[in-house]
C-alpha atoms as a PDB file:
ATOM      1  CA  UNK A   1      -4.811 -19.969  17.636  1.00  0.00           C
ATOM      2  CA  UNK A   2      -2.426 -22.207  15.665  1.00  0.00           C
ATOM      3  CA  UNK A   3      -5.285 -24.170  14.123  1.00  0.00           C
ATOM      4  CA  UNK A   4      -6.967 -20.873  13.158  1.00  0.00           C
ATOM      5  CA  UNK A   5      -3.775 -19.663  11.471  1.00  0.00           C
ATOM      6  CA  UNK A   6      -3.401 -22.929   9.581  1.00  0.00           C
ATOM      7  CA  UNK A   7      -7.042 -22.808   8.386  1.00  0.00           C
ATOM      8  CA  UNK A   8      -6.646 -19.225   7.181  1.00  0.00           C
ATOM      9  CA  UNK A   9      -3.355 -19.962   5.426  1.00  0.00           C
ATOM     10  CA  UNK A  10      -4.758 -23.070   3.721  1.00  0.00           C
ATOM     11  CA  UNK A  11      -7.849 -21.105   2.692  1.00  0.00           C
ATOM     12  CA  UNK A  12      -5.670 -18.353   1.222  1.00  0.00           C
ATOM     13  CA  UNK A  13      -3.776 -20.701  -1.101  1.00  0.00           C
ATOM     14  CA  UNK A  14      -6.633 -21.117  -3.676  1.00  0.00           C
ATOM     15  CA  UNK A  15      -7.264 -17.360  -3.539  1.00  0.00           C
ATOM     16  CA  UNK A  16      -3.662 -16.415  -4.294  1.00  0.00           C
ATOM     17  CA  UNK A  17      -3.293 -19.070  -6.989  1.00  0.00           C
ATOM     18  CA  UNK A  18      -6.604 -17.989  -8.532  1.00  0.00           C
ATOM     19  CA  UNK A  19      -5.431 -14.363  -8.740  1.00  0.00           C
ATOM     20  CA  UNK A  20      -2.119 -15.478 -10.267  1.00  0.00           C
ATOM     21  CA  UNK A  21      -4.007 -17.593 -12.829  1.00  0.00           C
ATOM     22  CA  UNK A  22      -6.316 -14.738 -13.839  1.00  0.00           C
ATOM     23  CA  UNK A  23      -3.381 -12.347 -14.254  1.00  0.00           C
ATOM     24  CA  UNK A  24      -1.480 -14.917 -16.353  1.00  0.00           C
ATOM     25  CA  UNK A  25      -4.300 -15.486 -18.832  1.00  0.00           C
ATOM     26  CA  UNK A  26      -5.277 -11.798 -19.032  1.00  0.00           C
ATOM     27  CA  UNK A  27      -1.702 -10.878 -19.948  1.00  0.00           C
ATOM     28  CA  UNK A  28      -1.061 -13.727 -22.352  1.00  0.00           C
ATOM     29  CA  UNK A  29      -4.420 -13.432 -24.136  1.00  0.00           C
ATOM     30  CA  UNK A  30      -4.032  -9.676 -24.620  1.00  0.00           C
ATOM     31  CA  UNK A  31      -3.337  -8.589 -28.218  1.00  0.00           C
ATOM     32  CA  UNK A  32       0.233  -7.746 -29.206  1.00  0.00           C
ATOM     33  CA  UNK A  33       3.580  -9.519 -29.302  1.00  0.00           C
ATOM     34  CA  UNK A  34       6.130  -8.773 -26.526  1.00  0.00           C
ATOM     35  CA  UNK A  35       8.950  -9.847 -28.869  1.00  0.00           C
ATOM     36  CA  UNK A  36       8.275  -6.879 -31.164  1.00  0.00           C
ATOM     37  CA  UNK A  37       9.214  -4.451 -28.351  1.00  0.00           C
ATOM     38  CA  UNK A  38      12.661  -5.969 -27.871  1.00  0.00           C
ATOM     39  CA  UNK A  39      13.634  -6.308 -31.569  1.00  0.00           C
ATOM     40  CA  UNK A  40      14.305  -3.895 -34.434  1.00  0.00           C
ATOM     41  CA  UNK A  41      11.378  -3.274 -36.874  1.00  0.00           C
ATOM     42  CA  UNK A  42      13.005  -5.002 -39.893  1.00  0.00           C
ATOM     43  CA  UNK A  43      14.416  -8.063 -38.162  1.00  0.00           C
ATOM     44  CA  UNK A  44      14.035 -11.389 -39.966  1.00  0.00           C
ATOM     45  CA  UNK A  45      11.320 -13.953 -39.021  1.00  0.00           C
ATOM     46  CA  UNK A  46      14.042 -16.428 -38.003  1.00  0.00           C
ATOM     47  CA  UNK A  47      15.379 -13.999 -35.427  1.00  0.00           C
ATOM     48  CA  UNK A  48      11.863 -13.307 -34.126  1.00  0.00           C
ATOM     49  CA  UNK A  49      11.236 -17.018 -33.717  1.00  0.00           C
ATOM     50  CA  UNK A  50      14.527 -17.482 -31.877  1.00  0.00           C
ATOM     51  CA  UNK A  51      13.596 -14.578 -29.585  1.00  0.00           C
ATOM     52  CA  UNK A  52      10.268 -16.269 -28.797  1.00  0.00           C
ATOM     53  CA  UNK A  53      12.118 -19.469 -27.934  1.00  0.00           C
ATOM     54  CA  UNK A  54      14.544 -17.570 -25.695  1.00  0.00           C
ATOM     55  CA  UNK A  55      11.684 -15.782 -23.915  1.00  0.00           C
ATOM     56  CA  UNK A  56       9.609 -18.957 -23.548  1.00  0.00           C
ATOM     57  CA  UNK A  57       6.787 -17.659 -25.761  1.00  0.00           C
ATOM     58  CA  UNK A  58       6.985 -20.310 -28.488  1.00  0.00           C
ATOM     59  CA  UNK A  59       4.727 -22.824 -26.713  1.00  0.00           C
ATOM     60  CA  UNK A  60       0.884 -22.788 -26.502  1.00  0.00           C
ATOM     61  CA  UNK A  61      -0.557 -20.772 -23.610  1.00  0.00           C
ATOM     62  CA  UNK A  62      -1.725 -23.818 -21.558  1.00  0.00           C
ATOM     63  CA  UNK A  63       1.779 -25.318 -21.738  1.00  0.00           C
ATOM     64  CA  UNK A  64       3.328 -21.997 -20.700  1.00  0.00           C
ATOM     65  CA  UNK A  65       0.838 -21.722 -17.831  1.00  0.00           C
ATOM     66  CA  UNK A  66       1.705 -25.146 -16.437  1.00  0.00           C
ATOM     67  CA  UNK A  67       5.441 -24.430 -16.713  1.00  0.00           C
ATOM     68  CA  UNK A  68       5.073 -20.979 -15.106  1.00  0.00           C
ATOM     69  CA  UNK A  69       2.870 -22.226 -12.257  1.00  0.00           C
ATOM     70  CA  UNK A  70       5.218 -25.152 -11.553  1.00  0.00           C
ATOM     71  CA  UNK A  71       8.263 -22.849 -11.462  1.00  0.00           C
ATOM     72  CA  UNK A  72       6.454 -20.199  -9.389  1.00  0.00           C
ATOM     73  CA  UNK A  73       5.505 -22.731  -6.713  1.00  0.00           C
ATOM     74  CA  UNK A  74       9.228 -23.456  -6.414  1.00  0.00           C
ATOM     75  CA  UNK A  75      10.023 -19.749  -5.979  1.00  0.00           C
ATOM     76  CA  UNK A  76      11.203 -19.193  -9.567  1.00  0.00           C
ATOM     77  CA  UNK A  77       9.336 -16.297 -11.234  1.00  0.00           C
ATOM     78  CA  UNK A  78      11.351 -16.489 -14.457  1.00  0.00           C
ATOM     79  CA  UNK A  79      13.614 -13.890 -16.064  1.00  0.00           C
ATOM     80  CA  UNK A  80      12.638 -10.273 -16.699  1.00  0.00           C
ATOM     81  CA  UNK A  81      12.375  -9.485 -20.422  1.00  0.00           C
ATOM     82  CA  UNK A  82      13.423  -5.852 -19.932  1.00  0.00           C
ATOM     83  CA  UNK A  83      16.099  -6.235 -17.243  1.00  0.00           C
ATOM     84  CA  UNK A  84      17.454  -9.650 -18.312  1.00  0.00           C
ATOM     85  CA  UNK A  85      17.840 -10.793 -14.728  1.00  0.00           C
ATOM     86  CA  UNK A  86      15.820 -13.124 -12.493  1.00  0.00           C
ATOM     87  CA  UNK A  87      12.506 -11.587 -11.435  1.00  0.00           C
ATOM     88  CA  UNK A  88      13.124 -12.819  -7.904  1.00  0.00           C
ATOM     89  CA  UNK A  89      16.257 -10.637  -7.695  1.00  0.00           C
ATOM     90  CA  UNK A  90      14.431  -7.637  -9.182  1.00  0.00           C
ATOM     91  CA  UNK A  91      11.619  -7.880  -6.615  1.00  0.00           C
ATOM     92  CA  UNK A  92      14.091  -8.422  -3.775  1.00  0.00           C
ATOM     93  CA  UNK A  93      15.726  -5.093  -4.680  1.00  0.00           C
ATOM     94  CA  UNK A  94      12.474  -3.161  -5.138  1.00  0.00           C
ATOM     95  CA  UNK A  95      10.054  -4.601  -2.556  1.00  0.00           C
ATOM     96  CA  UNK A  96      11.694  -2.993   0.555  1.00  0.00           C
ATOM     97  CA  UNK A  97      11.117   0.473  -0.938  1.00  0.00           C
ATOM     98  CA  UNK A  98       7.384  -0.195  -1.250  1.00  0.00           C
ATOM     99  CA  UNK A  99       7.222  -1.685   2.247  1.00  0.00           C
ATOM    100  CA  UNK A 100       8.862   1.460   3.681  1.00  0.00           C
ATOM    101  CA  UNK A 101       6.365   3.719   1.902  1.00  0.00           C
ATOM    102  CA  UNK A 102       3.316   1.550   2.696  1.00  0.00           C
ATOM    103  CA  UNK A 103       4.236   1.051   6.364  1.00  0.00           C
ATOM    104  CA  UNK A 104       4.841   4.787   6.840  1.00  0.00           C
ATOM    105  CA  UNK A 105       1.529   5.647   5.190  1.00  0.00           C
ATOM    106  CA  UNK A 106      -0.533   3.104   7.118  1.00  0.00           C
ATOM    107  CA  UNK A 107       0.965   4.137  10.492  1.00  0.00           C
ATOM    108  CA  UNK A 108       0.394   7.839   9.771  1.00  0.00           C
ATOM    109  CA  UNK A 109      -3.136   7.161   8.523  1.00  0.00           C
ATOM    110  CA  UNK A 110      -4.254   5.168  11.563  1.00  0.00           C
ATOM    111  CA  UNK A 111      -2.578   7.385  14.172  1.00  0.00           C
ATOM    112  CA  UNK A 112      -3.887  10.570  12.582  1.00  0.00           C
ATOM    113  CA  UNK A 113      -7.326   9.186  11.722  1.00  0.00           C
ATOM    114  CA  UNK A 114      -7.949   7.726  15.192  1.00  0.00           C
ATOM    115  CA  UNK A 115      -6.779  10.935  16.939  1.00  0.00           C
ATOM    116  CA  UNK A 116      -8.999  13.136  14.756  1.00  0.00           C
ATOM    117  CA  UNK A 117     -11.974  10.795  15.227  1.00  0.00           C
ATOM    118  CA  UNK A 118     -11.576  10.846  19.020  1.00  0.00           C
ATOM    119  CA  UNK A 119     -11.398  14.663  19.080  1.00  0.00           C
ATOM    120  CA  UNK A 120     -14.526  14.874  16.929  1.00  0.00           C
ATOM    121  CA  UNK A 121     -16.423  12.488  19.225  1.00  0.00           C
ATOM    122  CA  UNK A 122     -15.394  14.370  22.375  1.00  0.00           C
ATOM    123  CA  UNK A 123     -16.341  17.727  20.790  1.00  0.00           C
ATOM    124  CA  UNK A 124     -19.475  16.475  19.048  1.00  0.00           C
ATOM    125  CA  UNK A 125     -21.435  19.176  17.173  1.00  0.00           C
ATOM    126  CA  UNK A 126     -18.913  21.879  18.115  1.00  0.00           C
ATOM    127  CA  UNK A 127     -17.076  24.084  15.592  1.00  0.00           C
ATOM    128  CA  UNK A 128     -14.037  21.793  15.997  1.00  0.00           C
ATOM    129  CA  UNK A 129     -16.149  18.777  15.034  1.00  0.00           C
ATOM    130  CA  UNK A 130     -17.636  20.579  12.032  1.00  0.00           C
ATOM    131  CA  UNK A 131     -14.242  21.868  10.852  1.00  0.00           C
ATOM    132  CA  UNK A 132     -12.567  18.443  11.140  1.00  0.00           C
ATOM    133  CA  UNK A 133     -15.553  16.824   9.387  1.00  0.00           C
ATOM    134  CA  UNK A 134     -15.180  19.286   6.510  1.00  0.00           C
ATOM    135  CA  UNK A 135     -11.430  18.651   6.235  1.00  0.00           C
ATOM    136  CA  UNK A 136     -11.934  14.868   6.422  1.00  0.00           C
ATOM    137  CA  UNK A 137     -14.581  14.959   3.701  1.00  0.00           C
ATOM    138  CA  UNK A 138     -12.271  17.112   1.546  1.00  0.00           C
ATOM    139  CA  UNK A 139      -9.443  14.561   1.669  1.00  0.00           C
ATOM    140  CA  UNK A 140     -11.772  11.513   1.608  1.00  0.00           C
ATOM    141  CA  UNK A 141     -13.275  12.611  -1.722  1.00  0.00           C
ATOM    142  CA  UNK A 142      -9.886  13.340  -3.292  1.00  0.00           C
ATOM    143  CA  UNK A 143      -7.952  10.838  -5.489  1.00  0.00           C
ATOM    144  CA  UNK A 144      -4.520  10.172  -4.017  1.00  0.00           C
ATOM    145  CA  UNK A 145      -2.679  10.847  -7.302  1.00  0.00           C
ATOM    146  CA  UNK A 146      -4.325  14.286  -7.645  1.00  0.00           C
ATOM    147  CA  UNK A 147      -3.493  15.099  -4.029  1.00  0.00           C
ATOM    148  CA  UNK A 148       0.109  14.053  -4.756  1.00  0.00           C
ATOM    149  CA  UNK A 149       0.322  16.508  -7.651  1.00  0.00           C
ATOM    150  CA  UNK A 150      -1.113  19.328  -5.503  1.00  0.00           C
ATOM    151  CA  UNK A 151       1.365  18.600  -2.692  1.00  0.00           C
ATOM    152  CA  UNK A 152       4.238  18.755  -5.197  1.00  0.00           C
ATOM    153  CA  UNK A 153       2.988  22.091  -6.534  1.00  0.00           C
ATOM    154  CA  UNK A 154       2.696  23.608  -3.043  1.00  0.00           C
ATOM    155  CA  UNK A 155       5.476  22.075  -0.938  1.00  0.00           C
ATOM    156  CA  UNK A 156       8.086  21.495  -3.631  1.00  0.00           C
ATOM    157  CA  UNK A 157       7.774  23.750  -6.679  1.00  0.00           C
ATOM    158  CA  UNK A 158       5.863  26.627  -5.053  1.00  0.00           C
ATOM    159  CA  UNK A 159       7.775  26.583  -1.764  1.00  0.00           C
ATOM    160  CA  UNK A 160      11.160  26.583  -3.515  1.00  0.00           C
ATOM    161  CA  UNK A 161      10.661  28.634  -6.673  1.00  0.00           C
ATOM    162  CA  UNK A 162       7.656  30.911  -6.054  1.00  0.00           C
ATOM    163  CA  UNK A 163       7.276  31.729  -2.358  1.00  0.00           C
ATOM    164  CA  UNK A 164      10.918  30.992  -1.409  1.00  0.00           C
ATOM    165  CA  UNK A 165       9.977  29.334   1.885  1.00  0.00           C
ATOM    166  CA  UNK A 166      12.870  28.469   4.233  1.00  0.00           C
ATOM    167  CA  UNK A 167      12.017  24.792   3.736  1.00  0.00           C
ATOM    168  CA  UNK A 168      10.788  22.716   0.816  1.00  0.00           C
ATOM    169  CA  UNK A 169      10.396  19.030   0.145  1.00  0.00           C
ATOM    170  CA  UNK A 170      11.832  16.908  -2.699  1.00  0.00           C
ATOM    171  CA  UNK A 171       9.387  16.055  -5.474  1.00  0.00           C
ATOM    172  CA  UNK A 172      10.857  12.758  -6.692  1.00  0.00           C
ATOM    173  CA  UNK A 173      13.092   9.818  -5.865  1.00  0.00           C
ATOM    174  CA  UNK A 174      14.164   8.294  -2.549  1.00  0.00           C
ATOM    175  CA  UNK A 175      17.437  10.204  -2.076  1.00  0.00           C
ATOM    176  CA  UNK A 176      19.216  13.311  -3.339  1.00  0.00           C
ATOM    177  CA  UNK A 177      22.029  13.283  -5.891  1.00  0.00           C
ATOM    178  CA  UNK A 178      24.650  14.067  -3.225  1.00  0.00           C
ATOM    179  CA  UNK A 179      23.286  11.412  -0.828  1.00  0.00           C
ATOM    180  CA  UNK A 180      26.534   9.304  -0.786  1.00  0.00           C
ATOM    181  CA  UNK A 181      28.531  12.352   0.359  1.00  0.00           C
ATOM    182  CA  UNK A 182      26.237  13.209   3.306  1.00  0.00           C
ATOM    183  CA  UNK A 183      26.877  12.382   6.950  1.00  0.00           C
ATOM    184  CA  UNK A 184      24.834   9.602   8.589  1.00  0.00           C
ATOM    185  CA  UNK A 185      22.440  12.120  10.159  1.00  0.00           C
ATOM    186  CA  UNK A 186      22.173  13.975   6.852  1.00  0.00           C
ATOM    187  CA  UNK A 187      21.312  10.755   5.009  1.00  0.00           C
ATOM    188  CA  UNK A 188      18.531  10.015   7.514  1.00  0.00           C
ATOM    189  CA  UNK A 189      17.113  13.536   7.118  1.00  0.00           C
ATOM    190  CA  UNK A 190      17.349  13.250   3.339  1.00  0.00           C
ATOM    191  CA  UNK A 191      15.425   9.955   3.273  1.00  0.00           C
ATOM    192  CA  UNK A 192      12.733  11.320   5.610  1.00  0.00           C
ATOM    193  CA  UNK A 193      12.391  14.460   3.472  1.00  0.00           C
ATOM    194  CA  UNK A 194      11.886  12.325   0.337  1.00  0.00           C
ATOM    195  CA  UNK A 195       9.378  10.119   2.179  1.00  0.00           C
ATOM    196  CA  UNK A 196       7.089  12.873   3.533  1.00  0.00           C
ATOM    197  CA  UNK A 197       5.156  13.817   0.382  1.00  0.00           C
ATOM    198  CA  UNK A 198       4.532  10.257  -0.966  1.00  0.00           C
ATOM    199  CA  UNK A 199       3.520   8.979   2.472  1.00  0.00           C
ATOM    200  CA  UNK A 200       1.303  12.014   3.102  1.00  0.00           C
ATOM    201  CA  UNK A 201      -0.429  11.532  -0.273  1.00  0.00           C
ATOM    202  CA  UNK A 202      -1.458   8.031   0.720  1.00  0.00           C
ATOM    203  CA  UNK A 203      -2.045   8.668   4.440  1.00  0.00           C
ATOM    204  CA  UNK A 204      -4.268  11.763   4.186  1.00  0.00           C
ATOM    205  CA  UNK A 205      -6.864   9.996   2.036  1.00  0.00           C
ATOM    206  CA  UNK A 206      -6.911   6.919   4.281  1.00  0.00           C
ATOM    207  CA  UNK A 207      -6.890   8.955   7.527  1.00  0.00           C
ATOM    208  CA  UNK A 208      -9.991  10.844   6.463  1.00  0.00           C
ATOM    209  CA  UNK A 209     -11.981   7.592   6.219  1.00  0.00           C
ATOM    210  CA  UNK A 210     -10.541   6.230   9.464  1.00  0.00           C
ATOM    211  CA  UNK A 211     -11.503   9.455  11.270  1.00  0.00           C
ATOM    212  CA  UNK A 212     -15.121   9.116  10.130  1.00  0.00           C
ATOM    213  CA  UNK A 213     -15.341   5.503  11.354  1.00  0.00           C
ATOM    214  CA  UNK A 214     -13.594   6.345  14.638  1.00  0.00           C
ATOM    215  CA  UNK A 215     -15.968   9.238  15.336  1.00  0.00           C
ATOM    216  CA  UNK A 216     -19.043   7.054  14.828  1.00  0.00           C
ATOM    217  CA  UNK A 217     -17.652   4.191  16.884  1.00  0.00           C
ATOM    218  CA  UNK A 218     -16.576   6.484  19.738  1.00  0.00           C
ATOM    219  CA  UNK A 219     -19.986   8.175  19.880  1.00  0.00           C
ATOM    220  CA  UNK A 220     -21.588   4.787  20.465  1.00  0.00           C
ATOM    221  CA  UNK A 221     -19.085   3.725  23.120  1.00  0.00           C
ATOM    222  CA  UNK A 222     -18.928   6.922  25.221  1.00  0.00           C
ATOM    223  CA  UNK A 223     -22.660   6.612  25.905  1.00  0.00           C
ATOM    224  CA  UNK A 224     -22.300   3.147  27.405  1.00  0.00           C
ATOM    225  CA  UNK A 225     -22.924   2.541  31.118  1.00  0.00           C
ATOM    226  CA  UNK A 226     -19.366   1.456  31.891  1.00  0.00           C
ATOM    227  CA  UNK A 227     -18.020   4.774  30.576  1.00  0.00           C
ATOM    228  CA  UNK A 228     -20.468   6.697  32.774  1.00  0.00           C
ATOM    229  CA  UNK A 229     -19.429   4.499  35.694  1.00  0.00           C
ATOM    230  CA  UNK A 230     -15.755   5.259  35.067  1.00  0.00           C
ATOM    231  CA  UNK A 231     -16.506   8.988  35.092  1.00  0.00           C
ATOM    232  CA  UNK A 232     -18.649   8.634  38.234  1.00  0.00           C
ATOM    233  CA  UNK A 233     -15.680   6.992  39.992  1.00  0.00           C
ATOM    234  CA  UNK A 234     -13.721  10.175  39.388  1.00  0.00           C
ATOM    235  CA  UNK A 235     -11.225   8.830  36.874  1.00  0.00           C
ATOM    236  CA  UNK A 236      -9.410  11.453  34.780  1.00  0.00           C
ATOM    237  CA  UNK A 237     -11.187  12.191  31.489  1.00  0.00           C
ATOM    238  CA  UNK A 238      -8.122  11.193  29.445  1.00  0.00           C
ATOM    239  CA  UNK A 239      -8.025   7.794  31.121  1.00  0.00           C
ATOM    240  CA  UNK A 240     -11.759   7.285  30.556  1.00  0.00           C
ATOM    241  CA  UNK A 241     -11.472   8.152  26.870  1.00  0.00           C
ATOM    242  CA  UNK A 242      -8.236   6.440  25.880  1.00  0.00           C
ATOM    243  CA  UNK A 243      -8.285   3.412  28.216  1.00  0.00           C
ATOM    244  CA  UNK A 244     -11.955   2.553  28.596  1.00  0.00           C
ATOM    245  CA  UNK A 245     -13.761   4.016  25.574  1.00  0.00           C
ATOM    246  CA  UNK A 246     -11.188   3.971  22.770  1.00  0.00           C
ATOM    247  CA  UNK A 247     -10.141   0.362  23.267  1.00  0.00           C
ATOM    248  CA  UNK A 248     -13.697  -0.853  22.757  1.00  0.00           C
ATOM    249  CA  UNK A 249     -14.217   1.528  19.854  1.00  0.00           C
ATOM    250  CA  UNK A 250     -11.169   0.135  18.024  1.00  0.00           C
ATOM    251  CA  UNK A 251     -12.771  -3.173  16.962  1.00  0.00           C
ATOM    252  CA  UNK A 252     -14.486  -1.775  13.820  1.00  0.00           C
ATOM    253  CA  UNK A 253     -11.358   0.307  13.136  1.00  0.00           C
ATOM    254  CA  UNK A 254      -9.206  -2.837  13.044  1.00  0.00           C
ATOM    255  CA  UNK A 255     -11.517  -4.127  10.308  1.00  0.00           C
ATOM    256  CA  UNK A 256     -10.450  -1.158   8.198  1.00  0.00           C
ATOM    257  CA  UNK A 257      -6.845  -2.382   8.278  1.00  0.00           C
ATOM    258  CA  UNK A 258      -7.793  -5.412   6.198  1.00  0.00           C
ATOM    259  CA  UNK A 259     -10.067  -3.370   3.931  1.00  0.00           C
ATOM    260  CA  UNK A 260      -7.575  -0.568   3.330  1.00  0.00           C
ATOM    261  CA  UNK A 261      -4.569  -2.727   2.415  1.00  0.00           C
ATOM    262  CA  UNK A 262      -5.756  -3.339  -1.186  1.00  0.00           C
ATOM    263  CA  UNK A 263      -6.538   0.384  -1.460  1.00  0.00           C
ATOM    264  CA  UNK A 264      -3.080   1.202  -0.132  1.00  0.00           C
ATOM    265  CA  UNK A 265      -1.232  -1.123  -2.529  1.00  0.00           C
ATOM    266  CA  UNK A 266      -3.240   0.060  -5.530  1.00  0.00           C
ATOM    267  CA  UNK A 267      -2.540   3.636  -4.438  1.00  0.00           C
ATOM    268  CA  UNK A 268       1.207   2.962  -4.393  1.00  0.00           C
ATOM    269  CA  UNK A 269       1.027   2.193  -8.131  1.00  0.00           C
ATOM    270  CA  UNK A 270      -0.013   5.799  -8.825  1.00  0.00           C
ATOM    271  CA  UNK A 271       1.953   7.483  -6.042  1.00  0.00           C
ATOM    272  CA  UNK A 272       5.235   5.741  -6.886  1.00  0.00           C
ATOM    273  CA  UNK A 273       4.785   6.749 -10.509  1.00  0.00           C
ATOM    274  CA  UNK A 274       4.056  10.392  -9.624  1.00  0.00           C
ATOM    275  CA  UNK A 275       7.043  10.660  -7.255  1.00  0.00           C
ATOM    276  CA  UNK A 276       9.372   8.374  -9.283  1.00  0.00           C
ATOM    277  CA  UNK A 277       9.631   6.239  -6.138  1.00  0.00           C
ATOM    278  CA  UNK A 278      11.526   3.056  -7.083  1.00  0.00           C
ATOM    279  CA  UNK A 279       8.985   0.609  -5.653  1.00  0.00           C
ATOM    280  CA  UNK A 280       6.702  -2.212  -6.741  1.00  0.00           C
ATOM    281  CA  UNK A 281       4.043   0.158  -8.094  1.00  0.00           C
ATOM    282  CA  UNK A 282       6.430   1.902 -10.476  1.00  0.00           C
ATOM    283  CA  UNK A 283       7.937  -1.465 -11.369  1.00  0.00           C
ATOM    284  CA  UNK A 284       4.487  -2.765 -12.399  1.00  0.00           C
ATOM    285  CA  UNK A 285       3.699   0.332 -14.487  1.00  0.00           C
ATOM    286  CA  UNK A 286       7.062   0.113 -16.288  1.00  0.00           C
ATOM    287  CA  UNK A 287       6.674  -3.643 -16.792  1.00  0.00           C
ATOM    288  CA  UNK A 288       3.196  -3.249 -18.310  1.00  0.00           C
ATOM    289  CA  UNK A 289       4.496  -0.611 -20.736  1.00  0.00           C
ATOM    290  CA  UNK A 290       7.386  -2.924 -21.691  1.00  0.00           C
ATOM    291  CA  UNK A 291       5.187  -6.063 -21.834  1.00  0.00           C
ATOM    292  CA  UNK A 292       7.490  -7.627 -19.286  1.00  0.00           C
ATOM    293  CA  UNK A 293       5.091 -10.485 -18.483  1.00  0.00           C
ATOM    294  CA  UNK A 294       7.178 -12.298 -15.830  1.00  0.00           C
ATOM    295  CA  UNK A 295       7.545  -9.111 -13.732  1.00  0.00           C
ATOM    296  CA  UNK A 296       3.840  -8.216 -13.984  1.00  0.00           C
ATOM    297  CA  UNK A 297       2.706 -11.727 -13.016  1.00  0.00           C
ATOM    298  CA  UNK A 298       5.163 -11.972 -10.111  1.00  0.00           C
ATOM    299  CA  UNK A 299       4.207  -8.497  -8.849  1.00  0.00           C
ATOM    300  CA  UNK A 300       0.494  -9.357  -8.898  1.00  0.00           C
ATOM    301  CA  UNK A 301       1.256 -12.538  -6.958  1.00  0.00           C
ATOM    302  CA  UNK A 302       3.297 -10.594  -4.364  1.00  0.00           C
ATOM    303  CA  UNK A 303       0.570  -7.937  -3.964  1.00  0.00           C
ATOM    304  CA  UNK A 304      -2.088 -10.643  -3.473  1.00  0.00           C
ATOM    305  CA  UNK A 305       0.111 -12.375  -0.907  1.00  0.00           C
ATOM    306  CA  UNK A 306       0.670  -9.117   0.996  1.00  0.00           C
ATOM    307  CA  UNK A 307      -3.074  -8.415   1.123  1.00  0.00           C
ATOM    308  CA  UNK A 308      -3.759 -11.920   2.464  1.00  0.00           C
ATOM    309  CA  UNK A 309      -1.083 -11.551   5.143  1.00  0.00           C
ATOM    310  CA  UNK A 310      -2.416  -8.095   6.064  1.00  0.00           C
ATOM    311  CA  UNK A 311      -5.950  -9.419   6.493  1.00  0.00           C
ATOM    312  CA  UNK A 312      -4.613 -12.250   8.636  1.00  0.00           C
ATOM    313  CA  UNK A 313      -2.828  -9.693  10.831  1.00  0.00           C
ATOM    314  CA  UNK A 314      -6.082  -7.737  11.158  1.00  0.00           C
ATOM    315  CA  UNK A 315      -7.856 -10.901  12.354  1.00  0.00           C
ATOM    316  CA  UNK A 316      -5.152 -11.492  14.950  1.00  0.00           C
ATOM    317  CA  UNK A 317      -5.409  -7.888  16.175  1.00  0.00           C
ATOM    318  CA  UNK A 318      -9.061  -8.509  17.119  1.00  0.00           C
ATOM    319  CA  UNK A 319      -7.954 -10.751  19.969  1.00  0.00           C
ATOM    320  CA  UNK A 320      -5.492  -8.108  21.195  1.00  0.00           C
ATOM    321  CA  UNK A 321      -8.079  -5.307  21.133  1.00  0.00           C
ATOM    322  CA  UNK A 322     -10.892  -7.398  22.628  1.00  0.00           C
ATOM    323  CA  UNK A 323      -9.738 -10.259  24.933  1.00  0.00           C
ATOM    324  CA  UNK A 324     -13.229 -11.831  24.651  1.00  0.00           C
ATOM    325  CA  UNK A 325     -12.434 -12.879  21.079  1.00  0.00           C
ATOM    326  CA  UNK A 326     -10.778 -16.276  20.942  1.00  0.00           C
ATOM    327  CA  UNK A 327      -9.765 -18.424  17.958  1.00  0.00           C
ATOM    328  CA  UNK A 328      -9.688 -21.769  19.738  1.00  0.00           C
END
């Protein structure tokens, strides 16, 4: 197991560095001058040149690349042009917000998707199966950012201002304005209320795909001889489904964890922007608009690293789901 982990980690190093290199050259070869955004229109050429020196943009691109890569390998991502503070500190403040949103969405997606897929397999070709298939296809074919806008219209604006429902959900931010004055229980409820719509926007789209894969995998497994044997022994149907059939049907579902992580992180870029969620996705969008190169390059590196770690976790889960799989 340890040798497998070391091989995967060593193999991931060129991948992550390659992604960081591509992002660096794409940004630095793009037309436009970042200095012009942070200076007045009629500033003198001497001031512009001094700004380039201060921002580290006065050297040729290959020299800047070597300096940036050397500093990044030591954990120094430079200084944010827009925030004038170390990028490492900026990401340390923002990254937990994205991890909270992503973890909530991925847990909801897999729990909901697997449960729906199991129900569809048990009730194959019934009206329940057809209805859940229709709902899954509806969400699967829907862009997450459009779904986010529809959820805001229904559960925030419509519920509060049009239909006057007894409950409505916040449309933006992580907390309310009066959050510091709430009790501890009130603060927890306020955070959960702000989390529901962004997490649901990401989870519903992912859950629809997971449900389709789970249904197909379960239909193959429940026809196997060992499932018929379990039923013939008189075991309760719930035990047959969830202990004997589902565990073996989960192997292809675990593969989706590694495949969906890039989709999830790219989705957070749009969802965090729509909901004004102060996470890595919104940070990247703002940094691109401000030509804040150090933040964009560091964020791309962090996203690539998170995807690699997520895929490694998916590989390790194989051995937990199926004890026959060994990495010796």
